[in-house]
Amino acid sequence: MQKNFLKTLKIIAKFRESLDAPVDIYGPQAIASKKEGDKVYRYQVLIALMLSSQTKDQITAKTISILQKYGLTPENINNTSVEKINELIKHSGFHNLKSKYIKNTTKIILDEYDSDIPKTLEELIKLPGVGYKMAILAMNIAWKINCGISVDTHVHKVSNRLGWIKTNKAEKTRKELEDWIPKEYWASINPLLVGFGQQVCLPRNPKCSSCPVNKYCAYNLNNKKVDNISYEV
């Protein structure tokens, strides 16, 4: 295990207790509805994840709201044309491609999984438009099954800046983190680091001076951004 990993993670978790980052407010776990039962909730989680690629959380939430008003169930979407789906999700990045993925994935869910989403990582990644990042989050959020670390741009960036790993691709980051981080922490890594990356460890001009873990951060120490501050818990 990397030096100061647990201490750093604990401090970030304390900092993130307010749950006021975009991912907390507009993430799949927050915008999928449980009003129509567990199956529909899990389906909406998956659709939200599919829509989230290359799209801001706020836009994904807006798009999910539009779909929910239309009727975001496997049965209704299966009976909807690709053209109509494309119109409904037009605010999402790459909507032309996503509309086809959503249509095809929905048909598979209806035909092969009794209107539910698959319950294994291996089956989820076979669905059109679903990769490891989405599948791991779907397992975590929809099924409460911890099967990996979902690495997006924020997790990749923060992990490298902290010095936990040194990688240039998200998939390599996932594999290296899973090699040494105990499994009990896997599920918490994504929500903690995504929110932290949205609020503090920004892509450009990170807020190093107010960062609660800057004294453990390789990026800060190597670049001598600021004097270390104390934020013990």
Protein backbone atom coordinates (compact mmCIF):
# COMPACT_ATOMS: atom_id res chain seq x y z
CA MET A 1 0.00 0.00 0.00
CA GLN A 2 1.21 3.50 -0.86
CA LYS A 3 2.53 5.65 1.97
CA ASN A 4 -0.13 7.90 3.54
CA PHE A 5 -2.90 6.38 1.36
CA LEU A 6 -5.31 5.65 4.21
CA LYS A 7 -4.59 8.96 5.91
CA THR A 8 -5.12 10.86 2.66
CA LEU A 9 -8.32 8.98 1.82
CA LYS A 10 -9.69 9.60 5.31
CA ILE A 11 -9.07 13.34 5.00
CA ILE A 12 -10.69 13.48 1.56
CA ALA A 13 -13.68 11.52 2.90
CA LYS A 14 -14.04 14.02 5.75
CA PHE A 15 -13.80 16.93 3.31
CA ARG A 16 -16.46 15.32 1.10
CA GLU A 17 -18.99 14.75 3.89
CA SER A 18 -21.07 17.73 2.74
CA LEU A 19 -21.90 15.89 -0.52
CA ASP A 20 -22.24 19.14 -2.45
CA ALA A 21 -20.17 18.41 -5.55
CA PRO A 22 -21.89 18.09 -8.95
CA VAL A 23 -21.50 14.29 -8.86
CA ASP A 24 -23.38 14.17 -5.55
CA ILE A 25 -26.28 16.24 -6.83
CA TYR A 26 -26.46 15.13 -10.46
CA GLY A 27 -24.82 11.69 -10.44
CA PRO A 28 -26.70 8.51 -11.45
CA GLN A 29 -27.36 7.55 -7.84
CA ALA A 30 -29.14 10.88 -7.32
CA ILE A 31 -31.16 11.22 -10.52
CA ALA A 32 -32.41 7.68 -11.13
CA SER A 33 -35.95 7.28 -9.77
CA LYS A 34 -37.07 4.50 -7.41
CA LYS A 35 -40.76 5.33 -7.83
CA GLU A 36 -41.37 2.60 -10.42
CA GLY A 37 -39.54 -0.20 -8.65
CA ASP A 38 -36.06 -1.67 -8.43
CA LYS A 39 -35.80 -2.84 -12.04
CA VAL A 40 -36.65 0.56 -13.47
CA TYR A 41 -34.30 2.22 -10.97
CA ARG A 42 -31.41 -0.01 -12.08
CA TYR A 43 -32.28 0.63 -15.73
CA GLN A 44 -32.26 4.38 -15.17
CA VAL A 45 -28.90 4.15 -13.41
CA LEU A 46 -27.46 2.41 -16.45
CA ILE A 47 -28.98 4.89 -18.90
CA ALA A 48 -27.67 7.80 -16.83
CA LEU A 49 -24.19 6.27 -16.94
CA MET A 50 -24.41 5.79 -20.70
CA LEU A 51 -25.45 9.42 -21.13
CA SER A 52 -22.72 10.72 -18.81
CA SER A 53 -19.86 9.98 -21.19
CA GLN A 54 -18.32 13.23 -22.51
CA THR A 55 -21.15 15.16 -20.85
CA LYS A 56 -21.33 17.36 -17.75
CA ASP A 57 -23.29 15.99 -14.81
CA GLN A 58 -25.80 18.84 -14.97
CA ILE A 59 -26.59 18.09 -18.62
CA THR A 60 -26.95 14.38 -17.90
CA ALA A 61 -29.40 15.17 -15.10
CA LYS A 62 -31.40 17.44 -17.41
CA THR A 63 -31.51 14.73 -20.08
CA ILE A 64 -32.59 12.05 -17.61
CA SER A 65 -35.37 14.36 -16.41
CA ILE A 66 -36.60 14.76 -19.99
CA LEU A 67 -36.54 10.99 -20.47
CA GLN A 68 -38.35 10.39 -17.17
CA LYS A 69 -41.16 12.73 -18.20
CA TYR A 70 -41.38 10.83 -21.48
CA GLY A 71 -41.28 7.45 -19.73
CA LEU A 72 -37.86 6.02 -18.91
CA THR A 73 -38.71 2.33 -18.68
CA PRO A 74 -37.28 -0.52 -20.77
CA GLU A 75 -40.68 -1.21 -22.30
CA ASN A 76 -41.33 2.38 -23.35
CA ILE A 77 -37.84 3.03 -24.70
CA ASN A 78 -37.94 -0.26 -26.61
CA ASN A 79 -41.09 0.97 -28.35
CA THR A 80 -39.48 4.32 -29.17
CA SER A 81 -37.65 4.97 -32.42
CA VAL A 82 -33.95 5.78 -32.48
CA GLU A 83 -34.86 9.12 -34.02
CA LYS A 84 -37.14 10.00 -31.11
CA ILE A 85 -34.57 8.87 -28.54
CA ASN A 86 -31.99 11.03 -30.31
CA GLU A 87 -34.32 14.02 -30.08
CA LEU A 88 -34.91 13.41 -26.36
CA ILE A 89 -31.19 13.18 -25.55
CA LYS A 90 -30.02 15.92 -27.92
CA HIS A 91 -28.29 17.86 -25.13
CA SER A 92 -25.97 14.95 -24.35
CA GLY A 93 -22.57 14.68 -26.02
CA PHE A 94 -22.41 12.22 -28.94
CA HIS A 95 -26.21 11.83 -28.78
CA ASN A 96 -26.39 10.39 -32.30
CA LEU A 97 -24.31 7.41 -31.21
CA LYS A 98 -25.78 7.14 -27.72
CA SER A 99 -29.34 6.94 -29.04
CA LYS A 100 -28.43 3.78 -30.97
CA TYR A 101 -26.61 2.31 -27.97
CA ILE A 102 -29.58 2.99 -25.71
CA LYS A 103 -32.03 1.45 -28.16
CA ASN A 104 -29.94 -1.70 -28.68
CA THR A 105 -29.06 -2.11 -25.00
CA THR A 106 -32.70 -1.73 -24.01
CA LYS A 107 -33.77 -4.48 -26.41
CA ILE A 108 -31.14 -6.85 -24.98
CA ILE A 109 -32.30 -6.06 -21.43
CA LEU A 110 -35.88 -6.86 -22.38
CA ASP A 111 -35.14 -9.98 -24.42
CA GLU A 112 -32.43 -11.57 -22.29
CA TYR A 113 -32.69 -10.19 -18.75
CA ASP A 114 -36.42 -9.91 -18.01
CA SER A 115 -36.39 -6.10 -18.19
CA ASP A 116 -33.51 -5.85 -15.71
CA ILE A 117 -29.86 -4.97 -16.18
CA PRO A 118 -27.23 -7.73 -16.03
CA LYS A 119 -25.85 -8.54 -12.59
CA THR A 120 -22.27 -9.31 -13.57
CA LEU A 121 -19.48 -7.10 -14.84
CA GLU A 122 -18.79 -9.49 -17.70
CA GLU A 123 -22.37 -9.28 -18.98
CA LEU A 124 -22.64 -5.52 -18.53
CA ILE A 125 -19.58 -4.74 -20.65
CA LYS A 126 -21.09 -6.77 -23.50
CA LEU A 127 -23.93 -4.26 -23.79
CA PRO A 128 -23.59 -1.69 -26.61
CA GLY A 129 -22.01 1.51 -25.34
CA VAL A 130 -21.06 0.17 -21.90
CA GLY A 131 -17.39 0.02 -20.91
CA TYR A 132 -15.58 -0.92 -17.72
CA LYS A 133 -16.01 2.50 -16.09
CA MET A 134 -19.79 2.45 -16.53
CA ALA A 135 -20.15 -1.24 -15.73
CA ILE A 136 -18.26 -0.98 -12.44
CA LEU A 137 -20.37 1.99 -11.37
CA ALA A 138 -23.56 0.19 -12.42
CA MET A 139 -22.58 -2.77 -10.26
CA ASN A 140 -21.77 -0.47 -7.33
CA ILE A 141 -24.83 1.78 -7.56
CA ALA A 142 -27.55 -0.47 -8.96
CA TRP A 143 -26.60 -3.81 -7.42
CA LYS A 144 -24.49 -2.69 -4.42
CA ILE A 145 -21.76 -5.06 -5.59
CA ASN A 146 -18.13 -3.95 -5.24
CA CYS A 147 -16.22 -5.34 -8.21
CA GLY A 148 -13.66 -2.70 -9.16
CA ILE A 149 -12.51 0.91 -9.19
CA SER A 150 -14.28 3.04 -11.77
CA VAL A 151 -11.75 5.46 -13.24
CA ASP A 152 -12.88 8.60 -15.01
CA THR A 153 -10.86 11.71 -15.81
CA HIS A 154 -11.06 12.94 -12.20
CA VAL A 155 -9.97 9.67 -10.59
CA HIS A 156 -7.14 9.38 -13.13
CA LYS A 157 -6.01 12.97 -12.54
CA VAL A 158 -6.23 13.01 -8.74
CA SER A 159 -4.58 9.59 -8.34
CA ASN A 160 -1.63 10.68 -10.46
CA ARG A 161 -1.29 14.05 -8.75
CA LEU A 162 -1.31 12.46 -5.31
CA GLY A 163 1.44 10.14 -6.49
CA TRP A 164 -0.53 6.95 -5.91
CA ILE A 165 0.29 5.84 -9.45
CA LYS A 166 2.07 7.16 -12.52
CA THR A 167 0.01 6.36 -15.59
CA ASN A 168 -1.13 8.02 -18.80
CA LYS A 169 -4.35 6.09 -19.45
CA ALA A 170 -7.46 5.52 -17.34
CA GLU A 171 -7.52 1.75 -17.83
CA LYS A 172 -3.93 1.44 -16.66
CA THR A 173 -4.83 3.59 -13.67
CA ARG A 174 -7.68 1.22 -12.81
CA LYS A 175 -5.48 -1.86 -12.98
CA GLU A 176 -2.65 -0.35 -10.96
CA LEU A 177 -4.94 1.02 -8.26
CA GLU A 178 -6.71 -2.31 -7.93
CA ASP A 179 -3.35 -4.03 -7.58
CA TRP A 180 -2.59 -2.42 -4.23
CA ILE A 181 -5.70 -0.74 -2.82
CA PRO A 182 -7.59 -3.15 -0.53
CA LYS A 183 -10.91 -4.20 -2.07
CA GLU A 184 -12.89 -2.76 0.83
CA TYR A 185 -12.00 0.75 -0.42
CA TRP A 186 -12.68 0.22 -4.13
CA ALA A 187 -16.30 1.39 -4.17
CA SER A 188 -15.54 4.62 -2.32
CA ILE A 189 -12.65 5.74 -4.54
CA ASN A 190 -14.77 6.98 -7.46
CA PRO A 191 -17.32 9.15 -5.63
CA LEU A 192 -14.68 10.58 -3.29
CA LEU A 193 -12.13 11.49 -5.96
CA VAL A 194 -14.65 12.63 -8.58
CA GLY A 195 -16.18 15.15 -6.20
CA PHE A 196 -12.74 16.16 -4.96
CA GLY A 197 -11.61 16.66 -8.56
CA GLN A 198 -14.66 18.78 -9.31
CA GLN A 199 -14.23 21.05 -6.30
CA VAL A 200 -10.53 21.20 -5.40
CA CYS A 201 -8.18 19.29 -7.68
CA LEU A 202 -9.34 21.04 -10.84
CA PRO A 203 -7.91 20.14 -14.27
CA ARG A 204 -6.54 23.67 -14.62
CA ASN A 205 -5.48 25.85 -11.72
CA PRO A 206 -6.08 23.31 -8.94
CA LYS A 207 -6.81 24.89 -5.57
CA CYS A 208 -3.59 23.71 -3.94
CA SER A 209 -3.60 26.46 -1.32
CA SER A 210 -6.88 25.24 0.14
CA CYS A 211 -6.37 21.54 -0.55
CA PRO A 212 -6.75 19.51 2.67
CA VAL A 213 -4.20 16.90 1.54
CA ASN A 214 -1.57 19.13 -0.07
CA LYS A 215 1.11 18.01 2.37
CA TYR A 216 0.70 14.44 1.08
CA CYS A 217 0.38 15.42 -2.59
CA ALA A 218 3.27 14.66 -4.93
CA TYR A 219 2.07 17.31 -7.40
CA ASN A 220 2.17 20.01 -4.74
CA LEU A 221 5.44 18.88 -3.18
CA ASN A 222 7.25 18.47 -6.50
CA ASN A 223 6.05 21.79 -7.87
CA LYS A 224 6.26 23.65 -4.56
CA LYS A 225 2.83 25.12 -5.13
CA VAL A 226 2.10 26.12 -1.55
CA ASP A 227 3.30 25.58 1.97
CA ASN A 228 1.75 22.51 3.51
CA ILE A 229 -1.36 23.03 5.59
CA SER A 230 -2.79 20.82 8.30
CA TYR A 231 -6.18 19.16 7.95
CA GLU A 232 -6.15 16.24 10.34
CA VAL A 233 -9.25 14.21 11.21
